[in-house]
Protein backbone atom coordinates (compact mmCIF):
# COMPACT_ATOMS: atom_id res chain seq x y z
CA MET A 1 120.22 54.94 -62.98
CA ASP A 2 120.03 57.42 -60.11
CA ILE A 3 123.04 59.53 -61.29
CA THR A 4 122.40 59.36 -65.06
CA GLU A 5 119.80 60.72 -67.43
CA VAL A 6 117.46 58.67 -69.52
CA SER A 7 118.80 60.34 -72.67
CA GLN A 8 122.23 58.79 -72.03
CA TRP A 9 120.88 55.26 -72.43
CA ASN A 10 120.22 53.52 -75.76
CA HIS A 11 118.54 50.29 -76.75
CA ILE A 12 120.42 47.49 -78.52
CA GLY A 13 118.61 44.81 -80.48
CA THR A 14 118.75 41.13 -79.63
CA GLN A 15 120.59 40.32 -82.87
CA GLU A 16 123.48 42.62 -81.86
CA ASN A 17 123.55 41.88 -78.11
CA PRO A 18 126.43 39.54 -77.07
CA ALA A 19 124.77 38.85 -73.72
CA ASP A 20 121.97 36.95 -75.47
CA ILE A 21 124.45 34.34 -76.63
CA LEU A 22 125.33 33.49 -73.01
CA SER A 23 121.72 33.45 -71.83
CA ARG A 24 120.37 31.39 -74.72
CA GLY A 25 123.35 29.04 -74.98
CA LEU A 26 125.59 28.07 -77.89
CA ARG A 27 127.50 24.96 -78.89
CA PRO A 28 131.28 25.01 -78.37
CA ARG A 29 132.05 24.74 -82.10
CA GLU A 30 129.68 27.57 -82.88
CA LEU A 31 131.12 29.65 -80.05
CA LEU A 32 134.60 29.52 -81.66
CA THR A 33 133.32 31.22 -84.81
CA ALA A 34 130.84 33.55 -83.05
CA ARG A 35 132.26 36.95 -84.00
CA LEU A 36 129.51 38.76 -82.04
CA TRP A 37 130.66 37.07 -78.81
CA TRP A 38 134.35 37.82 -79.28
CA ASN A 39 134.26 41.24 -80.95
CA GLY A 40 130.80 42.66 -80.32
CA PRO A 41 128.63 44.44 -82.89
CA THR A 42 130.40 45.57 -86.07
CA TRP A 43 129.32 49.18 -85.73
CA LEU A 44 131.30 49.50 -82.47
CA GLU A 45 134.54 49.41 -84.56
CA SER A 46 133.52 52.52 -86.49
CA ASP A 47 133.52 56.10 -85.28
CA GLU A 48 131.05 57.04 -82.54
CA LYS A 49 129.33 59.43 -84.94
CA ASP A 50 128.40 56.48 -87.19
CA TRP A 51 126.84 54.39 -84.39
CA ILE A 52 123.25 53.28 -84.74
CA LEU A 53 121.44 54.79 -81.75
CA ASN A 54 118.00 53.78 -80.50
CA PRO A 55 117.30 56.20 -77.65
CA ILE A 56 114.91 55.19 -74.86
CA THR A 57 111.94 57.50 -74.48
CA HIS A 58 109.82 58.07 -71.41
CA ASP A 59 106.81 56.43 -73.02
CA ASP A 60 108.55 53.10 -73.45
CA GLU A 61 107.41 50.55 -70.90
CA LEU A 62 109.93 47.94 -69.87
CA PRO A 63 108.52 44.40 -69.62
CA GLU A 64 110.27 43.83 -66.25
CA VAL A 65 108.45 46.72 -64.59
CA ARG A 66 105.12 45.69 -63.07
CA LYS A 67 102.26 47.96 -62.31
CA VAL A 68 101.61 48.68 -58.67
CA LYS A 69 98.10 47.75 -57.63
CA LEU A 70 96.65 49.27 -54.49
CA VAL A 71 94.26 47.29 -52.32
CA LEU A 72 92.01 49.11 -49.88
CA LEU A 73 91.00 47.10 -46.83
CA VAL A 74 88.32 48.50 -44.57
CA ILE A 75 88.09 47.19 -41.01
CA LYS A 76 85.13 48.09 -38.90
CA PRO A 77 86.46 48.92 -35.40
CA LEU A 78 83.75 47.31 -33.31
CA ASN A 79 85.79 46.75 -30.17
CA SER A 80 88.36 49.52 -30.39
CA ILE A 81 87.28 50.81 -26.98
CA LEU A 82 87.76 47.35 -25.47
CA GLU A 83 91.45 47.31 -26.33
CA HIS A 84 92.13 50.05 -23.76
CA TYR A 85 91.21 47.83 -20.78
CA SER A 86 93.09 44.95 -19.21
CA GLU A 87 90.57 44.06 -16.45
CA TRP A 88 86.99 42.93 -16.82
CA ASN A 89 85.47 44.97 -13.98
CA CYS A 90 87.19 48.18 -15.13
CA MET A 91 85.97 47.60 -18.66
CA LEU A 92 82.45 46.94 -17.40
CA ARG A 93 82.37 50.19 -15.41
CA GLY A 94 83.91 52.19 -18.26
CA VAL A 95 81.37 50.98 -20.84
CA ALA A 96 78.54 51.46 -18.34
CA TRP A 97 79.53 55.09 -17.70
CA LEU A 98 79.79 55.75 -21.44
CA THR A 99 76.36 54.21 -22.01
CA VAL A 100 74.79 56.24 -19.22
CA TYR A 101 76.50 59.42 -20.43
CA SER A 102 75.29 59.01 -24.01
CA LYS A 103 71.79 58.20 -22.81
CA TYR A 104 71.50 61.29 -20.63
CA MET A 105 73.16 63.53 -23.22
CA ARG A 106 70.44 62.66 -25.68
CA LYS A 107 67.81 63.54 -23.09
CA LYS A 108 69.65 66.74 -22.04
CA ILE A 109 69.24 66.03 -18.34
CA ASN A 110 71.64 65.47 -15.51
CA GLY A 111 72.91 61.95 -15.09
CA PRO A 112 73.06 59.86 -11.91
CA GLN A 113 75.93 60.10 -9.48
CA SER A 114 76.54 56.33 -9.33
CA LEU A 115 75.98 53.25 -11.44
CA THR A 116 73.14 50.82 -10.85
CA ILE A 117 72.98 47.07 -11.33
CA SER A 118 70.86 47.51 -14.45
CA ASP A 119 73.49 49.82 -15.96
CA SER A 120 76.22 47.23 -15.39
CA ASP A 121 74.07 44.46 -16.79
CA GLU A 122 73.28 46.51 -19.89
CA ALA A 123 76.98 47.30 -20.37
CA ARG A 124 77.83 43.60 -20.03
CA LYS A 125 75.33 42.69 -22.73
CA SER A 126 76.64 45.45 -24.98
CA ILE A 127 80.20 44.14 -24.69
CA LEU A 128 79.11 40.58 -25.39
CA ARG A 129 77.09 41.72 -28.42
CA MET A 130 80.19 43.39 -29.87
CA VAL A 131 82.29 40.27 -29.24
CA GLN A 132 79.70 37.95 -30.80
CA ALA A 133 79.23 40.27 -33.78
CA GLU A 134 82.98 40.09 -34.36
CA CYS A 135 83.41 36.33 -33.96
CA PHE A 136 80.01 34.89 -34.95
CA SER A 137 78.88 37.19 -37.75
CA LYS A 138 77.79 34.36 -40.06
CA GLU A 139 75.86 32.62 -37.30
CA ILE A 140 74.07 35.84 -36.32
CA SER A 141 73.05 36.59 -39.91
CA SER A 142 71.70 33.06 -40.33
CA LEU A 143 69.73 33.20 -37.08
CA GLU A 144 68.30 36.62 -37.92
CA ARG A 145 66.92 35.19 -41.17
CA GLY A 146 65.35 32.31 -39.24
CA GLN A 147 67.78 29.75 -40.63
CA GLU A 148 70.06 27.27 -38.94
CA VAL A 149 73.72 28.01 -38.41
CA PRO A 150 76.12 26.67 -41.08
CA ARG A 151 77.16 23.05 -40.83
CA ASN A 152 80.82 23.91 -40.37
CA SER A 153 80.04 26.25 -37.47
CA LYS A 154 81.32 25.49 -33.97
CA LEU A 155 77.87 26.35 -32.57
CA ARG A 156 76.07 23.67 -34.59
CA SER A 157 75.79 21.21 -31.69
CA LEU A 158 74.58 23.84 -29.20
CA ASN A 159 71.20 24.48 -30.87
CA PRO A 160 71.73 28.27 -30.63
CA PHE A 161 69.09 30.98 -30.88
CA LEU A 162 68.97 34.77 -30.66
CA ARG A 163 67.55 36.78 -27.79
CA ASP A 164 68.17 40.53 -27.31
CA GLY A 165 70.87 40.36 -29.98
CA LEU A 166 72.84 37.66 -28.11
CA ILE A 167 73.46 34.07 -29.14
CA LEU A 168 72.24 31.74 -26.39
CA VAL A 169 72.58 28.00 -25.97
CA GLY A 170 69.41 26.01 -26.52
CA GLY A 171 68.41 22.97 -24.51
CA ARG A 172 65.65 21.07 -22.76
CA LEU A 173 65.64 22.96 -19.44
CA GLU A 174 62.92 25.42 -20.37
CA ASN A 175 60.51 24.12 -17.68
CA SER A 176 63.08 23.89 -14.88
CA ASP A 177 63.13 26.11 -11.78
CA ILE A 178 66.69 27.34 -12.25
CA ALA A 179 67.58 30.87 -13.28
CA ASP A 180 67.07 31.89 -16.89
CA GLY A 181 70.81 32.50 -17.33
CA GLN A 182 71.52 28.88 -16.39
CA LYS A 183 68.86 27.56 -18.75
CA HIS A 184 70.30 29.38 -21.76
CA PRO A 185 73.88 30.61 -21.13
CA ILE A 186 75.57 33.14 -23.42
CA VAL A 187 78.07 31.73 -25.92
CA TRP A 188 81.68 32.94 -25.82
CA PRO A 189 84.37 32.55 -28.46
CA ALA A 190 87.31 30.33 -27.58
CA SER A 191 90.26 32.67 -28.11
CA HIS A 192 89.30 36.27 -27.39
CA LYS A 193 90.53 38.96 -25.06
CA ILE A 194 87.13 39.34 -23.34
CA THR A 195 86.98 35.60 -22.64
CA ARG A 196 90.38 35.74 -21.01
CA LEU A 197 89.49 38.79 -18.91
CA ILE A 198 86.28 37.22 -17.59
CA PHE A 199 88.12 34.03 -16.61
CA GLU A 200 90.75 36.06 -14.80
CA ALA A 201 88.07 38.09 -12.98
CA TYR A 202 86.35 34.91 -11.77
CA HIS A 203 89.70 33.45 -10.74
CA LEU A 204 90.43 36.45 -8.50
CA GLU A 205 86.86 36.70 -7.20
CA LEU A 206 86.85 33.04 -6.15
CA LEU A 207 90.22 33.44 -4.34
CA HIS A 208 92.42 31.61 -6.85
CA VAL A 209 90.42 28.42 -7.17
CA GLY A 210 91.29 25.60 -9.51
CA PRO A 211 90.18 25.35 -13.13
CA GLN A 212 87.32 22.90 -12.50
CA LEU A 213 85.56 25.02 -9.84
CA MET A 214 86.14 28.21 -11.82
CA LEU A 215 84.62 26.68 -14.95
CA SER A 216 81.59 25.42 -13.03
CA GLU A 217 80.91 28.91 -11.65
CA ILE A 218 81.29 30.52 -15.08
CA SER A 219 78.90 27.97 -16.60
CA ARG A 220 76.08 29.43 -14.51
CA LEU A 221 75.84 32.40 -16.93
CA TYR A 222 78.12 31.69 -19.89
CA TRP A 223 79.07 28.92 -22.28
CA PRO A 224 82.72 29.43 -23.27
CA LEU A 225 84.01 27.38 -26.17
CA LEU A 226 87.06 25.36 -25.07
CA GLY A 227 86.42 26.61 -21.55
CA ARG A 228 88.46 23.89 -19.88
CA VAL A 229 91.55 24.85 -21.88
CA THR A 230 91.12 28.54 -21.05
CA ALA A 231 90.57 27.82 -17.33
CA ARG A 232 93.75 25.76 -17.13
CA SER A 233 95.70 28.44 -18.98
CA VAL A 234 94.51 31.16 -16.56
CA VAL A 235 95.47 29.12 -13.50
CA TRP A 236 98.81 28.16 -15.07
CA HIS A 237 99.77 31.79 -15.81
CA CYS A 238 98.63 33.13 -12.41
CA VAL A 239 101.69 34.36 -10.51
CA LYS A 240 100.18 33.92 -7.05
CA CYS A 241 99.06 30.38 -7.79
CA THR A 242 102.54 29.55 -9.05
CA LYS A 243 104.13 30.95 -5.89
CA ALA A 244 101.66 29.07 -3.69
CA ARG A 245 102.59 25.75 -5.34
CA PRO A 246 106.36 25.84 -5.78
CA ARG A 247 108.22 22.90 -7.22
CA PHE A 248 111.16 21.79 -5.11
CA ASN A 249 114.17 19.94 -6.40
CA HIS A 250 114.30 16.67 -4.51
CA PRO A 251 117.83 15.78 -3.39
CA ILE A 252 119.48 12.65 -4.68
CA MET A 253 119.07 9.86 -2.17
CA ALA A 254 122.10 8.17 -0.62
CA PRO A 255 123.14 4.66 -1.65
CA LEU A 256 121.18 1.81 -0.10
CA PRO A 257 122.69 0.15 2.98
CA ARG A 258 124.81 -2.92 2.51
CA ASP A 259 122.22 -5.13 4.19
CA ARG A 260 119.64 -4.11 1.58
CA VAL A 261 121.63 -4.99 -1.53
CA GLN A 262 123.63 -8.11 -0.54
CA CYS A 263 122.17 -11.55 -1.13
CA THR A 264 121.73 -13.50 2.11
CA ARG A 265 119.45 -16.14 3.51
CA PRO A 266 115.87 -14.85 3.93
CA PHE A 267 115.31 -13.01 7.19
CA THR A 268 119.02 -12.91 8.06
CA VAL A 269 118.60 -9.15 8.38
CA THR A 270 115.06 -8.27 9.42
CA GLY A 271 113.02 -5.17 10.22
CA VAL A 272 110.10 -5.34 12.63
CA ASP A 273 107.19 -3.09 13.49
CA PHE A 274 103.62 -3.34 14.78
CA ALA A 275 100.37 -2.64 12.87
CA GLY A 276 96.91 -2.28 14.29
CA PRO A 277 94.96 -2.47 16.40
CA ILE A 278 92.57 -5.04 15.00
CA TYR A 279 89.63 -6.77 16.66
CA ILE A 280 89.45 -10.56 16.88
CA ARG A 281 86.46 -12.69 17.87
CA SER A 282 86.41 -16.08 19.50
CA GLY A 283 83.27 -17.20 17.65
CA LEU A 284 81.24 -17.55 20.83
CA ARG A 285 78.06 -15.62 21.38
CA ARG A 286 78.00 -12.70 23.80
CA VAL A 287 81.79 -12.59 23.89
CA ALA A 288 83.13 -9.16 23.08
CA ALA A 289 85.78 -8.74 20.45
CA LYS A 290 89.32 -8.47 21.74
CA LYS A 291 91.86 -5.93 20.59
CA ALA A 292 95.09 -7.28 19.10
CA TRP A 293 98.07 -6.16 17.03
CA ILE A 294 100.11 -7.62 14.19
CA ALA A 295 103.90 -7.91 14.36
CA ILE A 296 105.31 -7.48 10.84
CA PHE A 297 108.77 -8.91 10.10
CA VAL A 298 110.27 -7.80 6.77
CA CYS A 299 113.37 -9.35 5.19
CA PHE A 300 115.85 -6.69 4.03
CA SER A 301 117.23 -8.62 1.06
CA THR A 302 114.15 -10.42 -0.34
CA LYS A 303 111.32 -8.15 0.95
CA ALA A 304 109.52 -11.23 2.27
CA ILE A 305 106.98 -10.58 5.04
CA HIS A 306 106.17 -12.67 8.09
CA LEU A 307 103.13 -11.84 10.27
CA GLU A 308 102.55 -12.76 13.90
CA LEU A 309 99.58 -11.95 16.12
CA ALA A 310 100.29 -10.14 19.42
CA ASP A 311 97.88 -9.72 22.34
CA ASP A 312 99.22 -6.31 23.39
CA LEU A 313 102.16 -3.93 22.90
CA SER A 314 104.23 -5.12 25.87
CA SER A 315 107.77 -6.44 25.72
CA LYS A 316 106.61 -9.83 26.92
CA SER A 317 104.13 -10.14 24.05
CA PHE A 318 106.76 -9.10 21.54
CA MET A 319 109.23 -11.67 22.88
CA ALA A 320 106.59 -14.36 22.39
CA THR A 321 106.01 -13.31 18.76
CA PHE A 322 109.77 -13.06 18.24
CA ARG A 323 110.28 -16.64 19.46
CA CYS A 324 107.52 -17.88 17.12
CA PHE A 325 109.13 -16.00 14.25
CA MET A 326 112.61 -17.49 14.85
CA ALA A 327 111.14 -20.95 15.33
CA ARG A 328 109.63 -20.71 11.88
CA ARG A 329 112.21 -18.65 9.93
CA GLY A 330 115.45 -19.30 11.77
CA LYS A 331 117.80 -17.06 13.74
CA CYS A 332 118.54 -13.53 12.54
CA ALA A 333 121.89 -11.78 12.38
CA LYS A 334 120.35 -8.31 12.78
CA VAL A 335 116.91 -7.01 13.65
CA PHE A 336 116.07 -3.34 13.09
CA SER A 337 113.22 -1.49 14.76
CA ASP A 338 112.22 1.92 16.06
CA ASN A 339 112.56 3.17 19.66
CA SER A 340 109.17 2.12 20.98
CA THR A 341 109.08 0.95 24.59
CA ASN A 342 108.35 -2.72 23.85
CA PHE A 343 111.38 -2.96 21.53
CA VAL A 344 113.67 -1.20 24.04
CA GLY A 345 112.42 -3.50 26.81
CA ALA A 346 113.00 -6.55 24.62
CA GLN A 347 116.54 -5.37 23.92
CA LYS A 348 117.30 -5.05 27.62
CA GLU A 349 115.81 -8.47 28.29
CA LEU A 350 117.96 -10.03 25.57
CA ILE A 351 121.09 -8.36 26.96
CA LEU A 352 120.33 -9.73 30.42
CA MET A 353 119.63 -13.14 28.95
CA MET A 354 122.98 -13.21 27.13
CA LYS A 355 124.86 -12.09 30.25
CA LYS A 356 123.35 -14.98 32.23
CA ALA A 357 124.22 -17.37 29.45
CA SER A 358 127.84 -16.14 29.47
CA VAL A 359 128.09 -16.59 33.26
CA ASP A 360 126.68 -20.09 33.05
CA LEU A 361 129.30 -20.94 30.43
CA GLY A 362 132.10 -19.93 32.86
CA ASN A 363 133.23 -16.76 31.08
CA PRO A 364 131.87 -13.86 33.14
CA ASP A 365 134.24 -11.26 31.73
CA HIS A 366 133.37 -11.79 28.10
CA TYR A 367 130.04 -12.30 26.47
CA CYS A 368 129.22 -12.12 22.77
CA LEU A 369 125.96 -11.51 20.98
CA SER A 370 126.68 -13.38 17.77
CA TYR A 371 123.34 -12.75 16.12
CA TYR A 372 121.94 -10.01 18.37
CA PRO A 373 124.45 -7.12 18.06
CA ILE A 374 123.48 -3.96 19.96
CA THR A 375 124.52 -0.66 18.35
CA HIS A 376 123.28 2.90 18.83
CA PRO A 377 120.02 2.37 20.71
CA ALA A 378 119.38 6.14 20.66
CA THR A 379 118.85 6.16 16.91
CA SER A 380 117.63 2.75 15.82
CA PRO A 381 118.00 -0.16 18.25
CA HIS A 382 118.64 -3.57 16.82
CA PHE A 383 118.62 -6.65 18.89
């Protein structure tokens, strides 16, 4: 169509168009005798001068061509100036300077050299009015007419009301001594750029606090919808907070020792340590409580625990508890402990005891500790 003229094209009727047979369908028997399908229109066999021509004019409208309908959409740019800022304090100062400039231009006088607290507060309210007008237009129109907000509104449960063009949260704290901003905080939309910027400003001002403390400080003046979700998102996306709490990959632990995974008689391999101190009383009046410790014996294979009371942390006291333990649970093949002085002293005493026993048996050159092997006392002595 782009390289031809409209005058070169002609229209052919449906009764003489072979393509209609394929699109509409035909039975096989009828297709065998369909002369139009096999030979085309009859006038095609005659001279081109005798052809029946139906030229297409410019006024003819094809049924496949649809009319183009234009739709005009008007968007009121309420917060176009807010899109140029990425930080709440910079936006607040920028809007405050624009407000002061427009005010003093109308009065044709020189403006101040610096901003005041009232200028910043007025700019903050102006920004929040623009945000609420964009997100809560239906609620504002209902409240201006003295009606309640719609039932499907997210502000329905907050008992909202208008003051200075801002939607505030109602409540029962009217007679309290707290600040007026805490009595009736300003409502924020859940997902908005201004909401995000204010949360980020509070997060930096409070030195990267957690979401709960940040939300409690914001609630002194504002009521953000889904504030907990926004607070967690701000903390989660903070780069400094992420660097301060890195996640380390814990190495895979080595296989458990053989004594921990093989089935043996309870307390054949035992670990020992002391807990305490605790205070015990005799039950008599005017007798002070006495300090004592607990010797804990743990079986390596069954995780059974045996407790013995010790008067002090000396080697002599431990040997007494150890004798009571073996008298009740039987002899041990190995006993593991740390390098505390009472355990080291008990090990030396046991070595001396076994040497004397070997001498008494008439074999001074060879002595064997069958169930008290001594290995590597510098790391973990076992007796």
